[in-house]
């Protein structure tokens, strides 16, 4: 080999060695926060499943990493993503009502069904059609809605009328449910779900509203609950947004962005919501045998009365949506109709 050939070969080899480290660094890692307890299925199954989908869809070019504990408090998930503390995270929409109005359509009274995946798909469609510009500062990856809240009695008399409610002191989730109870004159102790056991187990209240059946199991409320009343159209549900840092998103190639969105959006939303459906089914299976909880269907007159009393909440949301440039009534009607069309439960 001539000197020129040897020099040329050496140059090619050196260039290859210089490229290898860059190739090794080409894999993008998305630091995906999970604010639930580490053993919760969002941390152990929902986010890891999405991670598998992302890695497969991008041929390994993009992966996710879940920290062993949350990088921020539950109300600060959106902010932590904006600041780059986490690359992606899920946010309970009730905590960011000052930022986004649209996704709260799924948290209006009496729009929910038992089919959480259907609600999640309906919410994503409503977002795309009516408020795609609300997620300023972050990239919206997906949204999902969990199984709906029910009404529970802590004594032997089920709650199945307005009079039953007004004769009780009720623990309720803050926001929609607590505001509705106050409107009809119920004595309310409002607080986050994680504090429900402290209030309910001590007998401070004699009924509670705002939790789905799986939460009765998770928060160990079975021993203090005598019956559950469920409505045909459920009283309330909760929605979440799954968002990503815009700068991190910009680092990803258009090809991989497209691949990631193919496994996010409604696909992720339905998958995440299904864990709540499965959790509810497992919890209800234990209601009678383990805790003696009876399940009652709501009297149609009770449901009609509560629906009528709750209209001020929906009217308030529509007015606020309109002020944000969203056609509130159209978005509400579209979401309600799509939930009906998609629901199978």
C-alpha atoms as a PDB file:
ATOM      1  CA  UNK A   1       0.000   0.000   0.000  1.00  0.00           C
ATOM      2  CA  UNK A   2       1.366   3.385  -1.018  1.00  0.00           C
ATOM      3  CA  UNK A   3       1.907   6.183   1.451  1.00  0.00           C
ATOM      4  CA  UNK A   4      -1.017   8.054  -0.092  1.00  0.00           C
ATOM      5  CA  UNK A   5      -3.275   5.015   0.240  1.00  0.00           C
ATOM      6  CA  UNK A   6      -2.224   4.458   3.832  1.00  0.00           C
ATOM      7  CA  UNK A   7      -2.911   8.094   4.675  1.00  0.00           C
ATOM      8  CA  UNK A   8      -6.297   7.944   2.967  1.00  0.00           C
ATOM      9  CA  UNK A   9      -7.202   4.761   4.853  1.00  0.00           C
ATOM     10  CA  UNK A  10      -6.095   6.298   8.144  1.00  0.00           C
ATOM     11  CA  UNK A  11      -8.232   9.372   7.495  1.00  0.00           C
ATOM     12  CA  UNK A  12     -11.308   7.252   6.804  1.00  0.00           C
ATOM     13  CA  UNK A  13     -10.687   5.176   9.917  1.00  0.00           C
ATOM     14  CA  UNK A  14     -10.255   8.303  12.060  1.00  0.00           C
ATOM     15  CA  UNK A  15     -13.457   9.770  10.689  1.00  0.00           C
ATOM     16  CA  UNK A  16     -15.294   6.553  11.512  1.00  0.00           C
ATOM     17  CA  UNK A  17     -13.976   6.607  15.072  1.00  0.00           C
ATOM     18  CA  UNK A  18     -15.125  10.189  15.454  1.00  0.00           C
ATOM     19  CA  UNK A  19     -18.630   9.294  14.214  1.00  0.00           C
ATOM     20  CA  UNK A  20     -19.095   6.311  16.546  1.00  0.00           C
ATOM     21  CA  UNK A  21     -19.479   8.345  19.752  1.00  0.00           C
ATOM     22  CA  UNK A  22     -21.952  10.611  17.981  1.00  0.00           C
ATOM     23  CA  UNK A  23     -23.894   7.564  16.845  1.00  0.00           C
ATOM     24  CA  UNK A  24     -23.919   6.290  20.401  1.00  0.00           C
ATOM     25  CA  UNK A  25     -25.308   9.631  21.553  1.00  0.00           C
ATOM     26  CA  UNK A  26     -27.933   9.786  18.792  1.00  0.00           C
ATOM     27  CA  UNK A  27     -30.501   7.934  20.918  1.00  0.00           C
ATOM     28  CA  UNK A  28     -32.935  10.396  22.481  1.00  0.00           C
ATOM     29  CA  UNK A  29     -34.072   9.672  26.026  1.00  0.00           C
ATOM     30  CA  UNK A  30     -37.321  11.187  27.295  1.00  0.00           C
ATOM     31  CA  UNK A  31     -37.306  11.664  31.079  1.00  0.00           C
ATOM     32  CA  UNK A  32     -40.947  10.854  31.838  1.00  0.00           C
ATOM     33  CA  UNK A  33     -42.169  11.771  35.301  1.00  0.00           C
ATOM     34  CA  UNK A  34     -44.836   9.854  37.230  1.00  0.00           C
ATOM     35  CA  UNK A  35     -46.333  11.651  40.244  1.00  0.00           C
ATOM     36  CA  UNK A  36     -48.344   8.674  41.455  1.00  0.00           C
ATOM     37  CA  UNK A  37     -46.762   6.396  44.091  1.00  0.00           C
ATOM     38  CA  UNK A  38     -44.020   4.228  42.503  1.00  0.00           C
ATOM     39  CA  UNK A  39     -46.174   1.086  42.821  1.00  0.00           C
ATOM     40  CA  UNK A  40     -49.181   2.661  41.048  1.00  0.00           C
ATOM     41  CA  UNK A  41     -50.036   1.204  37.654  1.00  0.00           C
ATOM     42  CA  UNK A  42     -49.379   4.516  35.878  1.00  0.00           C
ATOM     43  CA  UNK A  43     -45.734   4.208  36.959  1.00  0.00           C
ATOM     44  CA  UNK A  44     -45.390   0.435  36.627  1.00  0.00           C
ATOM     45  CA  UNK A  45     -47.482  -0.261  33.531  1.00  0.00           C
ATOM     46  CA  UNK A  46     -48.982   2.751  31.731  1.00  0.00           C
ATOM     47  CA  UNK A  47     -45.814   4.774  31.174  1.00  0.00           C
ATOM     48  CA  UNK A  48     -43.577   1.709  30.617  1.00  0.00           C
ATOM     49  CA  UNK A  49     -46.020   0.397  27.999  1.00  0.00           C
ATOM     50  CA  UNK A  50     -45.881   3.725  26.200  1.00  0.00           C
ATOM     51  CA  UNK A  51     -42.091   3.545  26.431  1.00  0.00           C
ATOM     52  CA  UNK A  52     -42.078   0.158  24.732  1.00  0.00           C
ATOM     53  CA  UNK A  53     -44.337   1.488  21.993  1.00  0.00           C
ATOM     54  CA  UNK A  54     -42.105   4.545  21.444  1.00  0.00           C
ATOM     55  CA  UNK A  55     -38.903   2.528  21.294  1.00  0.00           C
ATOM     56  CA  UNK A  56     -40.432   0.051  18.862  1.00  0.00           C
ATOM     57  CA  UNK A  57     -41.997   2.763  16.692  1.00  0.00           C
ATOM     58  CA  UNK A  58     -38.693   4.659  16.414  1.00  0.00           C
ATOM     59  CA  UNK A  59     -36.534   1.552  15.950  1.00  0.00           C
ATOM     60  CA  UNK A  60     -34.796   2.285  19.227  1.00  0.00           C
ATOM     61  CA  UNK A  61     -33.856   5.861  18.412  1.00  0.00           C
ATOM     62  CA  UNK A  62     -36.085   7.207  21.202  1.00  0.00           C
ATOM     63  CA  UNK A  63     -36.601   5.687  24.650  1.00  0.00           C
ATOM     64  CA  UNK A  64     -38.113   6.810  27.931  1.00  0.00           C
ATOM     65  CA  UNK A  65     -36.747   6.857  31.454  1.00  0.00           C
ATOM     66  CA  UNK A  66     -39.021   6.998  34.523  1.00  0.00           C
ATOM     67  CA  UNK A  67     -37.437   8.454  37.688  1.00  0.00           C
ATOM     68  CA  UNK A  68     -37.780   6.288  40.846  1.00  0.00           C
ATOM     69  CA  UNK A  69     -39.792   9.062  42.508  1.00  0.00           C
ATOM     70  CA  UNK A  70     -41.666  12.110  41.291  1.00  0.00           C
ATOM     71  CA  UNK A  71     -39.584  15.130  40.324  1.00  0.00           C
ATOM     72  CA  UNK A  72     -42.382  17.549  41.275  1.00  0.00           C
ATOM     73  CA  UNK A  73     -45.574  17.744  43.321  1.00  0.00           C
ATOM     74  CA  UNK A  74     -48.812  16.721  41.540  1.00  0.00           C
ATOM     75  CA  UNK A  75     -49.934  20.327  40.840  1.00  0.00           C
ATOM     76  CA  UNK A  76     -46.522  21.166  39.336  1.00  0.00           C
ATOM     77  CA  UNK A  77     -46.258  18.564  36.563  1.00  0.00           C
ATOM     78  CA  UNK A  78     -46.970  21.001  33.714  1.00  0.00           C
ATOM     79  CA  UNK A  79     -44.563  23.551  35.165  1.00  0.00           C
ATOM     80  CA  UNK A  80     -41.832  20.949  35.617  1.00  0.00           C
ATOM     81  CA  UNK A  81     -42.111  20.062  31.928  1.00  0.00           C
ATOM     82  CA  UNK A  82     -41.991  23.710  30.841  1.00  0.00           C
ATOM     83  CA  UNK A  83     -38.874  24.261  32.942  1.00  0.00           C
ATOM     84  CA  UNK A  84     -37.169  21.120  31.625  1.00  0.00           C
ATOM     85  CA  UNK A  85     -37.063  19.395  35.017  1.00  0.00           C
ATOM     86  CA  UNK A  86     -38.876  16.530  33.308  1.00  0.00           C
ATOM     87  CA  UNK A  87     -39.196  16.000  29.561  1.00  0.00           C
ATOM     88  CA  UNK A  88     -42.737  14.635  29.795  1.00  0.00           C
ATOM     89  CA  UNK A  89     -45.387  14.200  32.490  1.00  0.00           C
ATOM     90  CA  UNK A  90     -49.100  13.715  33.109  1.00  0.00           C
ATOM     91  CA  UNK A  91     -51.064  16.578  34.644  1.00  0.00           C
ATOM     92  CA  UNK A  92     -54.461  16.455  36.377  1.00  0.00           C
ATOM     93  CA  UNK A  93     -56.326  19.125  34.435  1.00  0.00           C
ATOM     94  CA  UNK A  94     -58.054  20.456  37.527  1.00  0.00           C
ATOM     95  CA  UNK A  95     -54.691  21.772  38.731  1.00  0.00           C
ATOM     96  CA  UNK A  96     -54.112  23.790  35.532  1.00  0.00           C
ATOM     97  CA  UNK A  97     -57.580  25.292  35.072  1.00  0.00           C
ATOM     98  CA  UNK A  98     -55.876  28.707  34.895  1.00  0.00           C
ATOM     99  CA  UNK A  99     -53.921  27.502  31.847  1.00  0.00           C
ATOM    100  CA  UNK A 100     -56.367  25.328  29.919  1.00  0.00           C
ATOM    101  CA  UNK A 101     -60.148  25.332  29.748  1.00  0.00           C
ATOM    102  CA  UNK A 102     -60.927  22.946  26.900  1.00  0.00           C
ATOM    103  CA  UNK A 103     -60.011  19.604  28.511  1.00  0.00           C
ATOM    104  CA  UNK A 104     -62.239  20.444  31.487  1.00  0.00           C
ATOM    105  CA  UNK A 105     -65.197  19.631  29.238  1.00  0.00           C
ATOM    106  CA  UNK A 106     -64.711  16.007  30.339  1.00  0.00           C
ATOM    107  CA  UNK A 107     -65.023  17.087  33.978  1.00  0.00           C
ATOM    108  CA  UNK A 108     -68.444  18.661  33.622  1.00  0.00           C
ATOM    109  CA  UNK A 109     -71.305  17.046  35.576  1.00  0.00           C
ATOM    110  CA  UNK A 110     -73.340  14.309  33.922  1.00  0.00           C
ATOM    111  CA  UNK A 111     -71.318  13.881  30.744  1.00  0.00           C
ATOM    112  CA  UNK A 112     -69.422  10.750  31.836  1.00  0.00           C
ATOM    113  CA  UNK A 113     -69.947   7.090  31.007  1.00  0.00           C
ATOM    114  CA  UNK A 114     -68.469   3.954  32.549  1.00  0.00           C
ATOM    115  CA  UNK A 115     -66.360   3.545  29.389  1.00  0.00           C
ATOM    116  CA  UNK A 116     -63.226   5.526  30.264  1.00  0.00           C
ATOM    117  CA  UNK A 117     -61.368   4.629  27.027  1.00  0.00           C
ATOM    118  CA  UNK A 118     -64.319   5.981  25.034  1.00  0.00           C
ATOM    119  CA  UNK A 119     -64.267   9.227  27.018  1.00  0.00           C
ATOM    120  CA  UNK A 120     -60.514   9.497  26.451  1.00  0.00           C
ATOM    121  CA  UNK A 121     -60.861   9.124  22.694  1.00  0.00           C
ATOM    122  CA  UNK A 122     -63.745  11.600  22.667  1.00  0.00           C
ATOM    123  CA  UNK A 123     -61.660  14.139  24.593  1.00  0.00           C
ATOM    124  CA  UNK A 124     -58.732  13.837  22.172  1.00  0.00           C
ATOM    125  CA  UNK A 125     -61.072  14.371  19.225  1.00  0.00           C
ATOM    126  CA  UNK A 126     -62.653  17.386  20.951  1.00  0.00           C
ATOM    127  CA  UNK A 127     -59.191  18.823  21.649  1.00  0.00           C
ATOM    128  CA  UNK A 128     -58.147  18.484  18.004  1.00  0.00           C
ATOM    129  CA  UNK A 129     -61.368  20.030  16.709  1.00  0.00           C
ATOM    130  CA  UNK A 130     -61.995  22.826  19.219  1.00  0.00           C
ATOM    131  CA  UNK A 131     -58.932  23.791  21.256  1.00  0.00           C
ATOM    132  CA  UNK A 132     -55.691  22.640  19.581  1.00  0.00           C
ATOM    133  CA  UNK A 133     -53.967  25.943  20.385  1.00  0.00           C
ATOM    134  CA  UNK A 134     -54.523  25.863  24.162  1.00  0.00           C
ATOM    135  CA  UNK A 135     -51.393  23.879  24.964  1.00  0.00           C
ATOM    136  CA  UNK A 136     -48.951  26.742  24.601  1.00  0.00           C
ATOM    137  CA  UNK A 137     -45.511  26.101  26.042  1.00  0.00           C
ATOM    138  CA  UNK A 138     -45.757  22.312  25.841  1.00  0.00           C
ATOM    139  CA  UNK A 139     -46.412  19.598  23.269  1.00  0.00           C
ATOM    140  CA  UNK A 140     -49.692  17.757  23.907  1.00  0.00           C
ATOM    141  CA  UNK A 141     -48.972  14.046  23.556  1.00  0.00           C
ATOM    142  CA  UNK A 142     -52.276  12.627  24.777  1.00  0.00           C
ATOM    143  CA  UNK A 143     -55.215  12.997  27.156  1.00  0.00           C
ATOM    144  CA  UNK A 144     -57.228  10.505  29.093  1.00  0.00           C
ATOM    145  CA  UNK A 145     -60.291  10.349  31.299  1.00  0.00           C
ATOM    146  CA  UNK A 146     -60.602   7.972  34.241  1.00  0.00           C
ATOM    147  CA  UNK A 147     -63.647   5.998  35.352  1.00  0.00           C
ATOM    148  CA  UNK A 148     -66.417   8.133  36.829  1.00  0.00           C
ATOM    149  CA  UNK A 149     -67.197   9.024  40.416  1.00  0.00           C
ATOM    150  CA  UNK A 150     -70.075   7.474  42.308  1.00  0.00           C
ATOM    151  CA  UNK A 151     -72.139   8.326  45.415  1.00  0.00           C
ATOM    152  CA  UNK A 152     -71.529   6.346  48.618  1.00  0.00           C
ATOM    153  CA  UNK A 153     -73.407   6.000  51.897  1.00  0.00           C
ATOM    154  CA  UNK A 154     -71.648   5.265  55.179  1.00  0.00           C
ATOM    155  CA  UNK A 155     -74.788   4.138  56.986  1.00  0.00           C
ATOM    156  CA  UNK A 156     -77.437   1.526  56.237  1.00  0.00           C
ATOM    157  CA  UNK A 157     -79.620   3.910  54.223  1.00  0.00           C
ATOM    158  CA  UNK A 158     -78.465   4.362  50.615  1.00  0.00           C
ATOM    159  CA  UNK A 159     -78.318   7.846  49.124  1.00  0.00           C
ATOM    160  CA  UNK A 160     -80.959   7.944  46.411  1.00  0.00           C
ATOM    161  CA  UNK A 161     -82.656  11.344  46.564  1.00  0.00           C
ATOM    162  CA  UNK A 162     -81.888  15.013  47.091  1.00  0.00           C
ATOM    163  CA  UNK A 163     -83.361  14.695  50.584  1.00  0.00           C
ATOM    164  CA  UNK A 164     -80.957  11.839  51.352  1.00  0.00           C
ATOM    165  CA  UNK A 165     -78.073  14.076  50.350  1.00  0.00           C
ATOM    166  CA  UNK A 166     -79.153  17.159  52.249  1.00  0.00           C
ATOM    167  CA  UNK A 167     -79.630  15.094  55.422  1.00  0.00           C
ATOM    168  CA  UNK A 168     -75.954  14.046  55.335  1.00  0.00           C
ATOM    169  CA  UNK A 169     -72.542  15.522  55.861  1.00  0.00           C
ATOM    170  CA  UNK A 170     -70.573  14.568  52.751  1.00  0.00           C
ATOM    171  CA  UNK A 171     -66.894  14.315  51.879  1.00  0.00           C
ATOM    172  CA  UNK A 172     -66.442  15.480  48.277  1.00  0.00           C
ATOM    173  CA  UNK A 173     -63.645  16.124  45.836  1.00  0.00           C
ATOM    174  CA  UNK A 174     -62.974  19.859  45.467  1.00  0.00           C
ATOM    175  CA  UNK A 175     -64.308  21.534  42.363  1.00  0.00           C
ATOM    176  CA  UNK A 176     -67.262  20.231  40.363  1.00  0.00           C
ATOM    177  CA  UNK A 177     -68.594  17.760  42.926  1.00  0.00           C
ATOM    178  CA  UNK A 178     -68.104  19.922  46.015  1.00  0.00           C
ATOM    179  CA  UNK A 179     -69.618  22.952  44.268  1.00  0.00           C
ATOM    180  CA  UNK A 180     -72.663  20.956  43.219  1.00  0.00           C
ATOM    181  CA  UNK A 181     -73.200  19.662  46.745  1.00  0.00           C
ATOM    182  CA  UNK A 182     -72.948  23.167  48.178  1.00  0.00           C
ATOM    183  CA  UNK A 183     -75.456  24.419  45.600  1.00  0.00           C
ATOM    184  CA  UNK A 184     -78.132  22.021  46.848  1.00  0.00           C
ATOM    185  CA  UNK A 185     -77.417  22.716  50.498  1.00  0.00           C
ATOM    186  CA  UNK A 186     -75.327  19.711  51.517  1.00  0.00           C
ATOM    187  CA  UNK A 187     -72.831  20.053  54.357  1.00  0.00           C
ATOM    188  CA  UNK A 188     -69.522  19.430  52.596  1.00  0.00           C
ATOM    189  CA  UNK A 189     -66.036  18.494  53.738  1.00  0.00           C
ATOM    190  CA  UNK A 190     -63.920  18.946  50.602  1.00  0.00           C
ATOM    191  CA  UNK A 191     -60.419  17.611  50.120  1.00  0.00           C
ATOM    192  CA  UNK A 192     -58.060  15.756  47.770  1.00  0.00           C
ATOM    193  CA  UNK A 193     -58.532  12.037  47.269  1.00  0.00           C
ATOM    194  CA  UNK A 194     -55.346  11.179  49.154  1.00  0.00           C
ATOM    195  CA  UNK A 195     -56.909  12.657  52.309  1.00  0.00           C
ATOM    196  CA  UNK A 196     -60.281  10.911  51.938  1.00  0.00           C
ATOM    197  CA  UNK A 197     -59.418   8.042  54.292  1.00  0.00           C
ATOM    198  CA  UNK A 198     -58.460  10.382  57.106  1.00  0.00           C
ATOM    199  CA  UNK A 199     -61.873  12.082  57.029  1.00  0.00           C
ATOM    200  CA  UNK A 200     -64.080   9.119  56.169  1.00  0.00           C
ATOM    201  CA  UNK A 201     -62.527   6.555  58.543  1.00  0.00           C
ATOM    202  CA  UNK A 202     -62.939   8.898  61.511  1.00  0.00           C
ATOM    203  CA  UNK A 203     -66.690   9.230  60.954  1.00  0.00           C
ATOM    204  CA  UNK A 204     -66.499  12.966  60.327  1.00  0.00           C
ATOM    205  CA  UNK A 205     -68.964  12.456  57.450  1.00  0.00           C
ATOM    206  CA  UNK A 206     -71.682   9.916  56.706  1.00  0.00           C
ATOM    207  CA  UNK A 207     -71.363   9.813  52.933  1.00  0.00           C
ATOM    208  CA  UNK A 208     -68.850  10.589  50.206  1.00  0.00           C
ATOM    209  CA  UNK A 209     -68.914  11.592  46.534  1.00  0.00           C
ATOM    210  CA  UNK A 210     -66.191  11.887  43.932  1.00  0.00           C
ATOM    211  CA  UNK A 211     -64.335   8.573  43.840  1.00  0.00           C
ATOM    212  CA  UNK A 212     -64.588   5.681  41.397  1.00  0.00           C
ATOM    213  CA  UNK A 213     -64.830   2.113  42.771  1.00  0.00           C
ATOM    214  CA  UNK A 214     -61.109   1.395  42.329  1.00  0.00           C
ATOM    215  CA  UNK A 215     -60.368   4.295  44.683  1.00  0.00           C
ATOM    216  CA  UNK A 216     -62.519   2.712  47.379  1.00  0.00           C
ATOM    217  CA  UNK A 217     -60.055  -0.163  47.280  1.00  0.00           C
ATOM    218  CA  UNK A 218     -56.895   1.934  46.834  1.00  0.00           C
ATOM    219  CA  UNK A 219     -57.710   4.328  49.675  1.00  0.00           C
ATOM    220  CA  UNK A 220     -58.989   1.518  51.942  1.00  0.00           C
ATOM    221  CA  UNK A 221     -62.486   2.969  52.262  1.00  0.00           C
ATOM    222  CA  UNK A 222     -64.346  -0.338  51.941  1.00  0.00           C
ATOM    223  CA  UNK A 223     -64.756  -0.910  55.700  1.00  0.00           C
ATOM    224  CA  UNK A 224     -66.433   2.500  56.092  1.00  0.00           C
ATOM    225  CA  UNK A 225     -68.779   2.293  53.075  1.00  0.00           C
ATOM    226  CA  UNK A 226     -72.198   0.598  53.171  1.00  0.00           C
ATOM    227  CA  UNK A 227     -73.570   1.238  49.683  1.00  0.00           C
ATOM    228  CA  UNK A 228     -72.882   2.818  46.304  1.00  0.00           C
ATOM    229  CA  UNK A 229     -75.397   4.608  44.091  1.00  0.00           C
ATOM    230  CA  UNK A 230     -74.536   4.787  40.409  1.00  0.00           C
ATOM    231  CA  UNK A 231     -76.183   6.955  37.813  1.00  0.00           C
ATOM    232  CA  UNK A 232     -77.032   6.066  34.226  1.00  0.00           C
ATOM    233  CA  UNK A 233     -75.050   9.088  33.056  1.00  0.00           C
ATOM    234  CA  UNK A 234     -72.310   9.405  35.620  1.00  0.00           C
ATOM    235  CA  UNK A 235     -72.078  12.422  37.885  1.00  0.00           C
ATOM    236  CA  UNK A 236     -68.420  13.321  37.339  1.00  0.00           C
ATOM    237  CA  UNK A 237     -65.095  12.172  35.958  1.00  0.00           C
ATOM    238  CA  UNK A 238     -61.501  13.396  35.908  1.00  0.00           C
ATOM    239  CA  UNK A 239     -59.255  14.160  32.940  1.00  0.00           C
ATOM    240  CA  UNK A 240     -55.480  14.263  32.559  1.00  0.00           C
ATOM    241  CA  UNK A 241     -53.136  15.738  29.968  1.00  0.00           C
ATOM    242  CA  UNK A 242     -49.886  14.062  28.934  1.00  0.00           C
ATOM    243  CA  UNK A 243     -47.466  16.784  27.830  1.00  0.00           C
ATOM    244  CA  UNK A 244     -43.854  17.138  26.682  1.00  0.00           C
ATOM    245  CA  UNK A 245     -41.253  19.903  26.747  1.00  0.00           C
ATOM    246  CA  UNK A 246     -41.290  21.763  23.421  1.00  0.00           C
ATOM    247  CA  UNK A 247     -37.500  22.033  23.159  1.00  0.00           C
ATOM    248  CA  UNK A 248     -37.107  18.317  23.801  1.00  0.00           C
ATOM    249  CA  UNK A 249     -39.761  17.599  21.204  1.00  0.00           C
ATOM    250  CA  UNK A 250     -37.865  19.763  18.700  1.00  0.00           C
ATOM    251  CA  UNK A 251     -34.753  17.586  19.173  1.00  0.00           C
ATOM    252  CA  UNK A 252     -36.614  14.612  17.728  1.00  0.00           C
ATOM    253  CA  UNK A 253     -36.638  14.111  13.959  1.00  0.00           C
ATOM    254  CA  UNK A 254     -39.930  14.678  12.102  1.00  0.00           C
ATOM    255  CA  UNK A 255     -39.968  10.973  11.238  1.00  0.00           C
ATOM    256  CA  UNK A 256     -39.737   9.968  14.888  1.00  0.00           C
ATOM    257  CA  UNK A 257     -42.172  12.675  15.972  1.00  0.00           C
ATOM    258  CA  UNK A 258     -44.735  11.148  13.632  1.00  0.00           C
ATOM    259  CA  UNK A 259     -43.967   7.668  14.975  1.00  0.00           C
ATOM    260  CA  UNK A 260     -44.335   8.830  18.581  1.00  0.00           C
ATOM    261  CA  UNK A 261     -47.685  10.511  17.929  1.00  0.00           C
ATOM    262  CA  UNK A 262     -48.925   7.331  16.265  1.00  0.00           C
ATOM    263  CA  UNK A 263     -48.560   5.556  19.622  1.00  0.00           C
ATOM    264  CA  UNK A 264     -49.684   8.538  21.713  1.00  0.00           C
ATOM    265  CA  UNK A 265     -52.905  10.514  21.159  1.00  0.00           C
ATOM    266  CA  UNK A 266     -56.014   8.311  21.401  1.00  0.00           C
ATOM    267  CA  UNK A 267     -54.021   5.069  21.480  1.00  0.00           C
ATOM    268  CA  UNK A 268     -52.227   6.062  24.678  1.00  0.00           C
ATOM    269  CA  UNK A 269     -55.408   7.583  26.119  1.00  0.00           C
ATOM    270  CA  UNK A 270     -57.447   4.422  25.656  1.00  0.00           C
ATOM    271  CA  UNK A 271     -54.661   2.266  27.069  1.00  0.00           C
ATOM    272  CA  UNK A 272     -54.233   4.418  30.175  1.00  0.00           C
ATOM    273  CA  UNK A 273     -57.975   4.652  30.812  1.00  0.00           C
ATOM    274  CA  UNK A 274     -58.423   0.886  30.522  1.00  0.00           C
ATOM    275  CA  UNK A 275     -56.419   0.376  33.713  1.00  0.00           C
ATOM    276  CA  UNK A 276     -59.099   2.302  35.618  1.00  0.00           C
ATOM    277  CA  UNK A 277     -61.850   0.207  33.987  1.00  0.00           C
ATOM    278  CA  UNK A 278     -60.079  -2.992  35.012  1.00  0.00           C
ATOM    279  CA  UNK A 279     -59.446  -1.603  38.480  1.00  0.00           C
ATOM    280  CA  UNK A 280     -63.121  -0.738  38.937  1.00  0.00           C
ATOM    281  CA  UNK A 281     -64.204  -4.223  37.894  1.00  0.00           C
ATOM    282  CA  UNK A 282     -61.788  -5.829  40.361  1.00  0.00           C
ATOM    283  CA  UNK A 283     -62.921  -3.509  43.163  1.00  0.00           C
ATOM    284  CA  UNK A 284     -66.642  -4.048  42.572  1.00  0.00           C
ATOM    285  CA  UNK A 285     -66.058  -7.805  42.620  1.00  0.00           C
ATOM    286  CA  UNK A 286     -64.936  -7.370  46.247  1.00  0.00           C
ATOM    287  CA  UNK A 287     -67.672  -4.963  47.310  1.00  0.00           C
ATOM    288  CA  UNK A 288     -70.236  -7.487  48.530  1.00  0.00           C
ATOM    289  CA  UNK A 289     -68.086 -10.339  49.825  1.00  0.00           C
ATOM    290  CA  UNK A 290     -65.244  -8.379  51.390  1.00  0.00           C
ATOM    291  CA  UNK A 291     -66.960  -5.233  52.661  1.00  0.00           C
ATOM    292  CA  UNK A 292     -70.697  -5.857  52.379  1.00  0.00           C
ATOM    293  CA  UNK A 293     -71.197  -2.886  50.060  1.00  0.00           C
ATOM    294  CA  UNK A 294     -74.513  -2.924  48.209  1.00  0.00           C
ATOM    295  CA  UNK A 295     -74.782  -1.354  44.747  1.00  0.00           C
ATOM    296  CA  UNK A 296     -77.941   0.546  43.772  1.00  0.00           C
ATOM    297  CA  UNK A 297     -79.017   2.189  40.541  1.00  0.00           C
ATOM    298  CA  UNK A 298     -80.055   5.793  41.039  1.00  0.00           C
ATOM    299  CA  UNK A 299     -83.737   6.638  40.996  1.00  0.00           C
ATOM    300  CA  UNK A 300     -84.349   8.443  37.645  1.00  0.00           C
ATOM    301  CA  UNK A 301     -85.977  11.306  39.575  1.00  0.00           C
ATOM    302  CA  UNK A 302     -82.808  11.680  41.669  1.00  0.00           C
ATOM    303  CA  UNK A 303     -80.613  11.768  38.570  1.00  0.00           C
ATOM    304  CA  UNK A 304     -82.917  14.266  36.854  1.00  0.00           C
ATOM    305  CA  UNK A 305     -82.949  16.539  39.904  1.00  0.00           C
ATOM    306  CA  UNK A 306     -79.151  16.523  40.259  1.00  0.00           C
ATOM    307  CA  UNK A 307     -78.709  17.075  36.523  1.00  0.00           C
ATOM    308  CA  UNK A 308     -80.974  20.118  36.699  1.00  0.00           C
ATOM    309  CA  UNK A 309     -79.146  21.477  39.751  1.00  0.00           C
ATOM    310  CA  UNK A 310     -75.762  21.066  38.029  1.00  0.00           C
ATOM    311  CA  UNK A 311     -76.537  23.169  34.956  1.00  0.00           C
ATOM    312  CA  UNK A 312     -74.907  26.265  36.442  1.00  0.00           C
ATOM    313  CA  UNK A 313     -71.544  24.478  36.365  1.00  0.00           C
ATOM    314  CA  UNK A 314     -71.792  23.611  32.677  1.00  0.00           C
ATOM    315  CA  UNK A 315     -73.039  27.095  31.850  1.00  0.00           C
ATOM    316  CA  UNK A 316     -70.046  28.534  33.690  1.00  0.00           C
ATOM    317  CA  UNK A 317     -67.621  26.343  31.754  1.00  0.00           C
ATOM    318  CA  UNK A 318     -69.201  27.270  28.417  1.00  0.00           C
ATOM    319  CA  UNK A 319     -68.951  30.973  29.267  1.00  0.00           C
ATOM    320  CA  UNK A 320     -65.286  30.619  30.246  1.00  0.00           C
ATOM    321  CA  UNK A 321     -64.511  28.567  27.119  1.00  0.00           C
ATOM    322  CA  UNK A 322     -66.124  31.251  24.954  1.00  0.00           C
ATOM    323  CA  UNK A 323     -63.957  33.901  26.630  1.00  0.00           C
ATOM    324  CA  UNK A 324     -60.874  31.861  25.651  1.00  0.00           C
ATOM    325  CA  UNK A 325     -61.891  31.775  21.982  1.00  0.00           C
ATOM    326  CA  UNK A 326     -63.365  28.254  22.142  1.00  0.00           C
ATOM    327  CA  UNK A 327     -66.908  27.595  20.910  1.00  0.00           C
ATOM    328  CA  UNK A 328     -67.944  26.254  24.303  1.00  0.00           C
ATOM    329  CA  UNK A 329     -71.410  25.007  23.430  1.00  0.00           C
ATOM    330  CA  UNK A 330     -70.224  23.290  20.253  1.00  0.00           C
ATOM    331  CA  UNK A 331     -67.284  21.670  22.052  1.00  0.00           C
ATOM    332  CA  UNK A 332     -69.549  20.482  24.867  1.00  0.00           C
ATOM    333  CA  UNK A 333     -72.145  19.063  22.470  1.00  0.00           C
ATOM    334  CA  UNK A 334     -69.479  17.357  20.366  1.00  0.00           C
ATOM    335  CA  UNK A 335     -67.845  15.728  23.396  1.00  0.00           C
ATOM    336  CA  UNK A 336     -71.152  14.494  24.820  1.00  0.00           C
ATOM    337  CA  UNK A 337     -72.209  13.068  21.462  1.00  0.00           C
ATOM    338  CA  UNK A 338     -68.877  11.310  20.849  1.00  0.00           C
ATOM    339  CA  UNK A 339     -68.936   9.754  24.323  1.00  0.00           C
ATOM    340  CA  UNK A 340     -72.382   8.329  23.551  1.00  0.00           C
ATOM    341  CA  UNK A 341     -71.272   7.041  20.156  1.00  0.00           C
ATOM    342  CA  UNK A 342     -68.040   5.452  21.392  1.00  0.00           C
ATOM    343  CA  UNK A 343     -69.170   4.024  24.716  1.00  0.00           C
ATOM    344  CA  UNK A 344     -69.691   0.272  24.963  1.00  0.00           C
ATOM    345  CA  UNK A 345     -70.132   0.044  28.747  1.00  0.00           C
END
